[in-house]
Amino acid sequence: MQKPAEVQAGPVAAEAPEGAEADPLCGLQEDKAGDDSAMTYCVAVRNDAGLVFLSDSRTNAGVDQINTFRKMHVYEVPGERVMVLLTAGNLAISQAVASGLKVQMQVHGEDPGQKSLANAPNMFSAAKLVGEAVRKVHARDAESLKAFGIEFNVSLIFGGQIGDEEPRLFNIYSAGNFIEATPETPYFQIGESKYGKPILDRVIGGQLSLDEVAKCCLISMDSTMKSNLSVGLPLDLLCYEKDALRVQRRTLIDGKDPYFASLRERWGEQLRKVFNELPAPGYWK
């Protein structure tokens, strides 16, 4: 098996002290109260062309402390498998899960017998590993969090492709259980999802190109940013083309990005134009 590529992710867990046994799910021990569910929006779509993932990168540890953390984590063995994880909820919990999965892949490079995303036989098995990672963090931290009045809260979107299998997409919950996207329900949202849902319901379908799906997701993100100022730039966008088995199209969108700025402006203008063209209610004539 090819050696796993370096995993692309956000901030990672602190290393264990020298001589101490490393915990593959050691995680970060930062502000565990930092629940960013209402300050996060992530969306992913599966269709005939592949997968599209989009996430914002804003989080908070209080009203007056807003920080930027990337919520997209990529696990890749080029030519063999690509998997993407989007996270929302308690920041320390989600980082512990994402970093633990990364460590497992690194350990697998030294010990092929180690179960990890690098040797999962299919995406269903990989999703089970992510769920197990969530449950391990829960077993370690849930009681301590409860003692401080903090709920164990994490939501994940996980998708990708392994070998000849079709690309697959999963929504993984705090209990480690999950559901899979279907042709009838081809997308998942986590975090602040309500504002960006209508455009997805109206537009998303199996025959769209990846660029069209990405455009729809960006409009969905714009709607969310417009209605909830705590969701914000920069954005992580990844388009995975079916059977590529490597990441080829990933970009970070910041406030200076000309395409996203133009998209937001033109979408707002066209909405106002269509609104002005609609007839007034005729109920009282």
C-alpha atoms as a PDB file:
ATOM      1  CA  MET A   1       0.000   0.000   0.000  1.00  0.00           C
ATOM      2  CA  GLN A   2       1.213   3.482  -0.810  1.00  0.00           C
ATOM      3  CA  LYS A   3       2.389   5.526   2.159  1.00  0.00           C
ATOM      4  CA  PRO A   4      -0.324   7.983   3.265  1.00  0.00           C
ATOM      5  CA  ALA A   5       0.194  11.521   2.084  1.00  0.00           C
ATOM      6  CA  GLU A   6       0.535  14.221   4.678  1.00  0.00           C
ATOM      7  CA  VAL A   7      -2.919  14.878   6.046  1.00  0.00           C
ATOM      8  CA  GLN A   8      -4.185  18.395   5.445  1.00  0.00           C
ATOM      9  CA  ALA A   9      -6.110  19.695   8.406  1.00  0.00           C
ATOM     10  CA  GLY A  10      -6.539  22.478  10.891  1.00  0.00           C
ATOM     11  CA  PRO A  11      -4.695  22.846  14.206  1.00  0.00           C
ATOM     12  CA  VAL A  12      -3.528  19.479  15.523  1.00  0.00           C
ATOM     13  CA  ALA A  13      -3.281  17.889  18.923  1.00  0.00           C
ATOM     14  CA  ALA A  14      -0.339  18.570  21.168  1.00  0.00           C
ATOM     15  CA  GLU A  15       2.315  15.854  21.168  1.00  0.00           C
ATOM     16  CA  ALA A  16       2.551  13.527  24.141  1.00  0.00           C
ATOM     17  CA  PRO A  17       5.443  14.227  26.557  1.00  0.00           C
ATOM     18  CA  GLU A  18       8.632  12.351  25.820  1.00  0.00           C
ATOM     19  CA  GLY A  19       8.460   8.819  27.152  1.00  0.00           C
ATOM     20  CA  ALA A  20       4.678   8.896  27.542  1.00  0.00           C
ATOM     21  CA  GLU A  21       2.400   6.552  25.625  1.00  0.00           C
ATOM     22  CA  ALA A  22       0.705   8.392  22.776  1.00  0.00           C
ATOM     23  CA  ASP A  23      -3.085   8.283  22.599  1.00  0.00           C
ATOM     24  CA  PRO A  24      -4.201   8.216  18.938  1.00  0.00           C
ATOM     25  CA  LEU A  25      -7.182  10.331  19.994  1.00  0.00           C
ATOM     26  CA  CYS A  26      -5.373  12.646  22.406  1.00  0.00           C
ATOM     27  CA  GLY A  27      -7.018  15.824  21.037  1.00  0.00           C
ATOM     28  CA  LEU A  28      -6.586  19.378  22.219  1.00  0.00           C
ATOM     29  CA  GLN A  29      -7.160  20.409  25.796  1.00  0.00           C
ATOM     30  CA  GLU A  30      -8.144  23.994  25.073  1.00  0.00           C
ATOM     31  CA  ASP A  31     -11.359  25.818  25.921  1.00  0.00           C
ATOM     32  CA  LYS A  32     -13.868  22.968  25.857  1.00  0.00           C
ATOM     33  CA  ALA A  33     -16.739  25.387  26.254  1.00  0.00           C
ATOM     34  CA  GLY A  34     -16.081  26.766  22.776  1.00  0.00           C
ATOM     35  CA  ASP A  35     -19.253  25.514  21.094  1.00  0.00           C
ATOM     36  CA  ASP A  36     -19.333  27.062  17.620  1.00  0.00           C
ATOM     37  CA  SER A  37     -22.507  25.394  16.277  1.00  0.00           C
ATOM     38  CA  ALA A  38     -24.217  28.729  15.662  1.00  0.00           C
ATOM     39  CA  MET A  39     -21.024  30.248  14.244  1.00  0.00           C
ATOM     40  CA  THR A  40     -20.275  27.520  11.731  1.00  0.00           C
ATOM     41  CA  TYR A  41     -21.744  26.556   8.407  1.00  0.00           C
ATOM     42  CA  CYS A  42     -20.558  23.542   6.427  1.00  0.00           C
ATOM     43  CA  VAL A  43     -22.221  21.908   3.438  1.00  0.00           C
ATOM     44  CA  ALA A  44     -21.319  18.952   1.232  1.00  0.00           C
ATOM     45  CA  VAL A  45     -23.013  17.578  -1.872  1.00  0.00           C
ATOM     46  CA  ARG A  46     -22.732  14.255  -3.696  1.00  0.00           C
ATOM     47  CA  ASN A  47     -23.833  13.938  -7.319  1.00  0.00           C
ATOM     48  CA  ASP A  48     -22.951  12.026 -10.469  1.00  0.00           C
ATOM     49  CA  ALA A  49     -19.826  14.119 -11.060  1.00  0.00           C
ATOM     50  CA  GLY A  50     -18.306  13.714  -7.614  1.00  0.00           C
ATOM     51  CA  LEU A  51     -18.357  15.599  -4.317  1.00  0.00           C
ATOM     52  CA  VAL A  52     -18.243  19.251  -3.265  1.00  0.00           C
ATOM     53  CA  PHE A  53     -17.306  20.388   0.254  1.00  0.00           C
ATOM     54  CA  LEU A  54     -17.538  23.936   1.630  1.00  0.00           C
ATOM     55  CA  SER A  55     -16.896  25.251   5.138  1.00  0.00           C
ATOM     56  CA  ASP A  56     -16.427  28.575   6.849  1.00  0.00           C
ATOM     57  CA  SER A  57     -13.644  29.021   9.397  1.00  0.00           C
ATOM     58  CA  ARG A  58     -15.001  31.175  12.206  1.00  0.00           C
ATOM     59  CA  THR A  59     -15.404  30.027  15.792  1.00  0.00           C
ATOM     60  CA  ASN A  60     -15.737  31.573  19.226  1.00  0.00           C
ATOM     61  CA  ALA A  61     -14.864  31.122  22.875  1.00  0.00           C
ATOM     62  CA  GLY A  62     -17.169  33.889  24.055  1.00  0.00           C
ATOM     63  CA  VAL A  63     -19.000  36.948  22.779  1.00  0.00           C
ATOM     64  CA  ASP A  64     -15.866  39.047  22.515  1.00  0.00           C
ATOM     65  CA  GLN A  65     -13.445  36.358  21.284  1.00  0.00           C
ATOM     66  CA  ILE A  66     -13.852  35.283  17.688  1.00  0.00           C
ATOM     67  CA  ASN A  67     -11.116  33.198  16.088  1.00  0.00           C
ATOM     68  CA  THR A  68     -10.402  31.497  12.797  1.00  0.00           C
ATOM     69  CA  PHE A  69     -10.001  27.706  12.640  1.00  0.00           C
ATOM     70  CA  ARG A  70     -10.226  25.693   9.456  1.00  0.00           C
ATOM     71  CA  LYS A  71     -12.974  23.073   9.706  1.00  0.00           C
ATOM     72  CA  MET A  72     -12.081  21.036   6.641  1.00  0.00           C
ATOM     73  CA  HIS A  73      -9.682  18.122   7.127  1.00  0.00           C
ATOM     74  CA  VAL A  74      -8.393  16.063   4.192  1.00  0.00           C
ATOM     75  CA  TYR A  75      -7.097  12.480   4.498  1.00  0.00           C
ATOM     76  CA  GLU A  76      -5.489  11.322   1.286  1.00  0.00           C
ATOM     77  CA  VAL A  77      -3.477   8.454  -0.176  1.00  0.00           C
ATOM     78  CA  PRO A  78      -2.998   9.786  -3.746  1.00  0.00           C
ATOM     79  CA  GLY A  79      -4.104   7.314  -6.382  1.00  0.00           C
ATOM     80  CA  GLU A  80      -5.854   5.126  -3.805  1.00  0.00           C
ATOM     81  CA  ARG A  81      -8.249   7.126  -1.638  1.00  0.00           C
ATOM     82  CA  VAL A  82      -9.440  10.625  -0.730  1.00  0.00           C
ATOM     83  CA  MET A  83     -11.561  11.448   2.326  1.00  0.00           C
ATOM     84  CA  VAL A  84     -12.760  14.812   3.627  1.00  0.00           C
ATOM     85  CA  LEU A  85     -14.087  15.666   7.091  1.00  0.00           C
ATOM     86  CA  LEU A  86     -16.078  18.828   7.913  1.00  0.00           C
ATOM     87  CA  THR A  87     -16.682  19.665  11.580  1.00  0.00           C
ATOM     88  CA  ALA A  88     -19.085  21.718  13.705  1.00  0.00           C
ATOM     89  CA  GLY A  89     -19.900  21.870  17.401  1.00  0.00           C
ATOM     90  CA  ASN A  90     -17.476  21.994  20.317  1.00  0.00           C
ATOM     91  CA  LEU A  91     -14.137  22.975  18.817  1.00  0.00           C
ATOM     92  CA  ALA A  92     -11.951  20.924  21.150  1.00  0.00           C
ATOM     93  CA  ILE A  93     -14.052  17.801  20.580  1.00  0.00           C
ATOM     94  CA  SER A  94     -14.010  18.149  16.792  1.00  0.00           C
ATOM     95  CA  GLN A  95     -10.252  18.807  16.796  1.00  0.00           C
ATOM     96  CA  ALA A  96      -9.677  15.783  19.016  1.00  0.00           C
ATOM     97  CA  VAL A  97     -11.568  13.576  16.546  1.00  0.00           C
ATOM     98  CA  ALA A  98      -9.893  15.034  13.435  1.00  0.00           C
ATOM     99  CA  SER A  99      -6.410  14.961  14.954  1.00  0.00           C
ATOM    100  CA  GLY A 100      -6.891  11.439  16.298  1.00  0.00           C
ATOM    101  CA  LEU A 101      -7.760  10.190  12.826  1.00  0.00           C
ATOM    102  CA  LYS A 102      -4.641  11.877  11.501  1.00  0.00           C
ATOM    103  CA  VAL A 103      -2.471  10.230  14.150  1.00  0.00           C
ATOM    104  CA  GLN A 104      -3.989   6.837  13.344  1.00  0.00           C
ATOM    105  CA  MET A 105      -2.974   7.276   9.702  1.00  0.00           C
ATOM    106  CA  GLN A 106       0.554   8.241  10.753  1.00  0.00           C
ATOM    107  CA  VAL A 107       0.785   5.196  13.012  1.00  0.00           C
ATOM    108  CA  HIS A 108      -0.477   3.031  10.140  1.00  0.00           C
ATOM    109  CA  GLY A 109       2.526   4.188   8.105  1.00  0.00           C
ATOM    110  CA  GLU A 110       4.751   2.573  10.757  1.00  0.00           C
ATOM    111  CA  ASP A 111       2.438  -0.304  11.675  1.00  0.00           C
ATOM    112  CA  PRO A 112       0.294  -1.584   8.773  1.00  0.00           C
ATOM    113  CA  GLY A 113      -1.818  -3.529  11.287  1.00  0.00           C
ATOM    114  CA  GLN A 114      -3.165  -0.315  12.814  1.00  0.00           C
ATOM    115  CA  LYS A 115      -6.781   0.299  11.808  1.00  0.00           C
ATOM    116  CA  SER A 116      -7.040   3.696  10.165  1.00  0.00           C
ATOM    117  CA  LEU A 117      -8.528   5.613   7.275  1.00  0.00           C
ATOM    118  CA  ALA A 118      -5.450   4.530   5.291  1.00  0.00           C
ATOM    119  CA  ASN A 119      -6.548   0.876   5.204  1.00  0.00           C
ATOM    120  CA  ALA A 120     -10.334   0.987   5.532  1.00  0.00           C
ATOM    121  CA  PRO A 121     -11.667  -1.286   2.760  1.00  0.00           C
ATOM    122  CA  ASN A 122     -14.555   1.025   1.824  1.00  0.00           C
ATOM    123  CA  MET A 123     -16.175   4.328   2.780  1.00  0.00           C
ATOM    124  CA  PHE A 124     -18.725   2.670   5.069  1.00  0.00           C
ATOM    125  CA  SER A 125     -15.890   1.147   7.109  1.00  0.00           C
ATOM    126  CA  ALA A 126     -14.107   4.510   7.112  1.00  0.00           C
ATOM    127  CA  ALA A 127     -17.266   6.217   8.412  1.00  0.00           C
ATOM    128  CA  LYS A 128     -17.434   3.599  11.190  1.00  0.00           C
ATOM    129  CA  LEU A 129     -13.854   4.503  12.167  1.00  0.00           C
ATOM    130  CA  VAL A 130     -14.847   8.173  12.404  1.00  0.00           C
ATOM    131  CA  GLY A 131     -17.838   7.210  14.557  1.00  0.00           C
ATOM    132  CA  GLU A 132     -15.571   5.134  16.796  1.00  0.00           C
ATOM    133  CA  ALA A 133     -13.242   8.108  17.140  1.00  0.00           C
ATOM    134  CA  VAL A 134     -16.176  10.254  18.291  1.00  0.00           C
ATOM    135  CA  ARG A 135     -17.214   7.632  20.844  1.00  0.00           C
ATOM    136  CA  LYS A 136     -13.673   7.361  22.193  1.00  0.00           C
ATOM    137  CA  VAL A 137     -13.509  11.112  22.798  1.00  0.00           C
ATOM    138  CA  HIS A 138     -16.957  10.911  24.418  1.00  0.00           C
ATOM    139  CA  ALA A 139     -15.823   8.113  26.742  1.00  0.00           C
ATOM    140  CA  ARG A 140     -12.824  10.187  27.798  1.00  0.00           C
ATOM    141  CA  ASP A 141     -14.337  13.678  28.085  1.00  0.00           C
ATOM    142  CA  ALA A 142     -18.150  13.541  28.372  1.00  0.00           C
ATOM    143  CA  GLU A 143     -18.323  13.185  32.174  1.00  0.00           C
ATOM    144  CA  SER A 144     -15.780  15.950  32.723  1.00  0.00           C
ATOM    145  CA  LEU A 145     -17.675  18.250  30.372  1.00  0.00           C
ATOM    146  CA  LYS A 146     -20.955  17.433  32.111  1.00  0.00           C
ATOM    147  CA  ALA A 147     -19.461  18.399  35.476  1.00  0.00           C
ATOM    148  CA  PHE A 148     -18.893  21.882  34.034  1.00  0.00           C
ATOM    149  CA  GLY A 149     -22.361  22.043  32.484  1.00  0.00           C
ATOM    150  CA  ILE A 150     -21.042  21.569  28.946  1.00  0.00           C
ATOM    151  CA  GLU A 151     -22.849  19.328  26.473  1.00  0.00           C
ATOM    152  CA  PHE A 152     -20.881  16.851  24.374  1.00  0.00           C
ATOM    153  CA  ASN A 153     -21.696  18.360  20.993  1.00  0.00           C
ATOM    154  CA  VAL A 154     -20.083  17.575  17.664  1.00  0.00           C
ATOM    155  CA  SER A 155     -21.467  17.185  14.143  1.00  0.00           C
ATOM    156  CA  LEU A 156     -19.468  15.882  11.212  1.00  0.00           C
ATOM    157  CA  ILE A 157     -19.791  15.498   7.454  1.00  0.00           C
ATOM    158  CA  PHE A 158     -17.516  12.814   6.039  1.00  0.00           C
ATOM    159  CA  GLY A 159     -17.149  11.825   2.414  1.00  0.00           C
ATOM    160  CA  GLY A 160     -14.789  10.626  -0.249  1.00  0.00           C
ATOM    161  CA  GLN A 161     -13.860   7.701  -2.432  1.00  0.00           C
ATOM    162  CA  ILE A 162     -11.816   4.539  -1.920  1.00  0.00           C
ATOM    163  CA  GLY A 163     -10.610   2.615  -4.979  1.00  0.00           C
ATOM    164  CA  ASP A 164     -13.268   1.615  -7.485  1.00  0.00           C
ATOM    165  CA  GLU A 165     -16.154   2.273  -5.099  1.00  0.00           C
ATOM    166  CA  GLU A 166     -18.550   5.119  -5.883  1.00  0.00           C
ATOM    167  CA  PRO A 167     -17.976   8.379  -3.961  1.00  0.00           C
ATOM    168  CA  ARG A 168     -20.035   8.376  -0.746  1.00  0.00           C
ATOM    169  CA  LEU A 169     -21.143  10.997   1.769  1.00  0.00           C
ATOM    170  CA  PHE A 170     -22.124  10.618   5.444  1.00  0.00           C
ATOM    171  CA  ASN A 171     -23.483  12.767   8.261  1.00  0.00           C
ATOM    172  CA  ILE A 172     -22.012  11.607  11.601  1.00  0.00           C
ATOM    173  CA  TYR A 173     -23.638  12.538  14.913  1.00  0.00           C
ATOM    174  CA  SER A 174     -22.401  13.026  18.488  1.00  0.00           C
ATOM    175  CA  ALA A 175     -23.229   9.402  19.333  1.00  0.00           C
ATOM    176  CA  GLY A 176     -20.965   8.174  16.527  1.00  0.00           C
ATOM    177  CA  ASN A 177     -23.898   6.900  14.459  1.00  0.00           C
ATOM    178  CA  PHE A 178     -24.396   8.159  10.927  1.00  0.00           C
ATOM    179  CA  ILE A 179     -26.603   8.339   7.864  1.00  0.00           C
ATOM    180  CA  GLU A 180     -25.614   8.300   4.187  1.00  0.00           C
ATOM    181  CA  ALA A 181     -26.584  10.663   1.385  1.00  0.00           C
ATOM    182  CA  THR A 182     -28.901   9.269  -1.282  1.00  0.00           C
ATOM    183  CA  PRO A 183     -30.064  10.485  -4.705  1.00  0.00           C
ATOM    184  CA  GLU A 184     -33.169  11.838  -2.959  1.00  0.00           C
ATOM    185  CA  THR A 185     -31.128  13.543  -0.215  1.00  0.00           C
ATOM    186  CA  PRO A 186     -27.824  14.355  -1.929  1.00  0.00           C
ATOM    187  CA  TYR A 187     -26.467  16.959   0.494  1.00  0.00           C
ATOM    188  CA  PHE A 188     -25.780  17.468   4.195  1.00  0.00           C
ATOM    189  CA  GLN A 189     -25.426  20.648   6.250  1.00  0.00           C
ATOM    190  CA  ILE A 190     -24.053  21.151   9.763  1.00  0.00           C
ATOM    191  CA  GLY A 191     -23.932  24.225  11.957  1.00  0.00           C
ATOM    192  CA  GLU A 192     -26.053  27.230  10.996  1.00  0.00           C
ATOM    193  CA  SER A 193     -27.953  25.463   8.250  1.00  0.00           C
ATOM    194  CA  LYS A 194     -31.383  27.098   7.911  1.00  0.00           C
ATOM    195  CA  TYR A 195     -30.471  30.186   5.884  1.00  0.00           C
ATOM    196  CA  GLY A 196     -28.592  28.307   3.157  1.00  0.00           C
ATOM    197  CA  LYS A 197     -31.057  25.449   2.695  1.00  0.00           C
ATOM    198  CA  PRO A 198     -33.631  26.942   0.249  1.00  0.00           C
ATOM    199  CA  ILE A 199     -31.189  27.438  -2.635  1.00  0.00           C
ATOM    200  CA  LEU A 200     -29.906  23.869  -2.225  1.00  0.00           C
ATOM    201  CA  ASP A 201     -33.431  22.452  -2.329  1.00  0.00           C
ATOM    202  CA  ARG A 202     -34.262  24.426  -5.466  1.00  0.00           C
ATOM    203  CA  VAL A 203     -31.084  23.785  -7.456  1.00  0.00           C
ATOM    204  CA  ILE A 204     -29.133  20.680  -6.420  1.00  0.00           C
ATOM    205  CA  GLY A 205     -29.591  17.652  -8.690  1.00  0.00           C
ATOM    206  CA  GLY A 206     -27.624  14.774 -10.132  1.00  0.00           C
ATOM    207  CA  GLN A 207     -26.958  16.311 -13.547  1.00  0.00           C
ATOM    208  CA  LEU A 208     -25.140  19.448 -12.387  1.00  0.00           C
ATOM    209  CA  SER A 209     -21.428  19.844 -13.004  1.00  0.00           C
ATOM    210  CA  LEU A 210     -19.079  20.198 -10.041  1.00  0.00           C
ATOM    211  CA  ASP A 211     -18.643  23.883 -10.875  1.00  0.00           C
ATOM    212  CA  GLU A 212     -22.409  24.391 -10.800  1.00  0.00           C
ATOM    213  CA  VAL A 213     -22.684  22.573  -7.472  1.00  0.00           C
ATOM    214  CA  ALA A 214     -19.831  24.689  -6.089  1.00  0.00           C
ATOM    215  CA  LYS A 215     -21.586  27.854  -7.259  1.00  0.00           C
ATOM    216  CA  CYS A 216     -24.791  26.761  -5.533  1.00  0.00           C
ATOM    217  CA  CYS A 217     -22.923  25.987  -2.310  1.00  0.00           C
ATOM    218  CA  LEU A 218     -21.232  29.394  -2.391  1.00  0.00           C
ATOM    219  CA  ILE A 219     -24.615  31.105  -2.790  1.00  0.00           C
ATOM    220  CA  SER A 220     -25.881  29.010   0.116  1.00  0.00           C
ATOM    221  CA  MET A 221     -22.912  30.228   2.173  1.00  0.00           C
ATOM    222  CA  ASP A 222     -23.557  33.838   1.129  1.00  0.00           C
ATOM    223  CA  SER A 223     -27.183  33.571   2.305  1.00  0.00           C
ATOM    224  CA  THR A 224     -25.967  32.261   5.651  1.00  0.00           C
ATOM    225  CA  MET A 225     -23.338  34.984   6.027  1.00  0.00           C
ATOM    226  CA  LYS A 226     -25.937  37.616   5.137  1.00  0.00           C
ATOM    227  CA  SER A 227     -28.335  36.455   7.868  1.00  0.00           C
ATOM    228  CA  ASN A 228     -25.810  35.409  10.527  1.00  0.00           C
ATOM    229  CA  LEU A 229     -22.811  37.704  10.833  1.00  0.00           C
ATOM    230  CA  SER A 230     -20.999  35.208  13.047  1.00  0.00           C
ATOM    231  CA  VAL A 231     -20.473  32.915  10.026  1.00  0.00           C
ATOM    232  CA  GLY A 232     -17.644  34.352   8.008  1.00  0.00           C
ATOM    233  CA  LEU A 233     -14.590  34.225   5.806  1.00  0.00           C
ATOM    234  CA  PRO A 234     -12.268  32.651   4.908  1.00  0.00           C
ATOM    235  CA  LEU A 235     -13.991  29.696   3.264  1.00  0.00           C
ATOM    236  CA  ASP A 236     -12.562  26.282   2.376  1.00  0.00           C
ATOM    237  CA  LEU A 237     -13.849  24.922  -0.947  1.00  0.00           C
ATOM    238  CA  LEU A 238     -12.943  21.478  -2.303  1.00  0.00           C
ATOM    239  CA  CYS A 239     -14.335  19.890  -5.463  1.00  0.00           C
ATOM    240  CA  TYR A 240     -13.568  16.200  -5.850  1.00  0.00           C
ATOM    241  CA  GLU A 241     -14.006  14.702  -9.316  1.00  0.00           C
ATOM    242  CA  LYS A 242     -15.214  11.113  -9.343  1.00  0.00           C
ATOM    243  CA  ASP A 243     -12.401   8.528  -9.777  1.00  0.00           C
ATOM    244  CA  ALA A 244      -9.613  11.132  -9.471  1.00  0.00           C
ATOM    245  CA  LEU A 245      -8.475   9.551  -6.163  1.00  0.00           C
ATOM    246  CA  ARG A 246      -6.464  12.657  -5.342  1.00  0.00           C
ATOM    247  CA  VAL A 247      -7.220  16.246  -4.362  1.00  0.00           C
ATOM    248  CA  GLN A 248      -6.885  18.455  -7.426  1.00  0.00           C
ATOM    249  CA  ARG A 249      -9.269  21.363  -6.797  1.00  0.00           C
ATOM    250  CA  ARG A 250      -9.106  23.013  -3.393  1.00  0.00           C
ATOM    251  CA  THR A 251      -9.004  26.724  -2.622  1.00  0.00           C
ATOM    252  CA  LEU A 252      -9.207  29.123   0.308  1.00  0.00           C
ATOM    253  CA  ILE A 253     -11.582  32.048  -0.300  1.00  0.00           C
ATOM    254  CA  ASP A 254     -10.880  35.236   1.659  1.00  0.00           C
ATOM    255  CA  GLY A 255     -12.288  38.751   1.642  1.00  0.00           C
ATOM    256  CA  LYS A 256     -10.154  39.704  -1.362  1.00  0.00           C
ATOM    257  CA  ASP A 257     -11.400  36.884  -3.592  1.00  0.00           C
ATOM    258  CA  PRO A 258     -12.801  38.568  -6.746  1.00  0.00           C
ATOM    259  CA  TYR A 259     -15.068  35.699  -7.823  1.00  0.00           C
ATOM    260  CA  PHE A 260     -16.868  35.345  -4.489  1.00  0.00           C
ATOM    261  CA  ALA A 261     -17.230  39.119  -4.150  1.00  0.00           C
ATOM    262  CA  SER A 262     -18.743  39.303  -7.647  1.00  0.00           C
ATOM    263  CA  LEU A 263     -21.017  36.311  -6.983  1.00  0.00           C
ATOM    264  CA  ARG A 264     -22.400  37.898  -3.809  1.00  0.00           C
ATOM    265  CA  GLU A 265     -23.000  41.245  -5.514  1.00  0.00           C
ATOM    266  CA  ARG A 266     -24.633  39.803  -8.645  1.00  0.00           C
ATOM    267  CA  TRP A 267     -26.796  37.357  -6.683  1.00  0.00           C
ATOM    268  CA  GLY A 268     -28.137  40.202  -4.545  1.00  0.00           C
ATOM    269  CA  GLU A 269     -28.772  42.376  -7.599  1.00  0.00           C
ATOM    270  CA  GLN A 270     -30.589  39.612  -9.468  1.00  0.00           C
ATOM    271  CA  LEU A 271     -32.749  38.756  -6.461  1.00  0.00           C
ATOM    272  CA  ARG A 272     -33.827  42.386  -6.156  1.00  0.00           C
ATOM    273  CA  LYS A 273     -34.464  42.555  -9.914  1.00  0.00           C
ATOM    274  CA  VAL A 274     -36.672  39.450  -9.911  1.00  0.00           C
ATOM    275  CA  PHE A 275     -38.472  40.687  -6.803  1.00  0.00           C
ATOM    276  CA  ASN A 276     -39.266  44.001  -8.499  1.00  0.00           C
ATOM    277  CA  GLU A 277     -40.578  42.165 -11.572  1.00  0.00           C
ATOM    278  CA  LEU A 278     -43.027  40.031  -9.605  1.00  0.00           C
ATOM    279  CA  PRO A 279     -46.632  41.280  -9.544  1.00  0.00           C
ATOM    280  CA  ALA A 280     -48.063  42.773  -6.367  1.00  0.00           C
ATOM    281  CA  PRO A 281     -50.655  40.714  -4.463  1.00  0.00           C
ATOM    282  CA  GLY A 282     -54.053  41.137  -6.070  1.00  0.00           C
ATOM    283  CA  TYR A 283     -56.172  39.926  -3.187  1.00  0.00           C
ATOM    284  CA  TRP A 284     -57.700  43.296  -2.335  1.00  0.00           C
ATOM    285  CA  LYS A 285     -58.515  44.581  -5.795  1.00  0.00           C
END
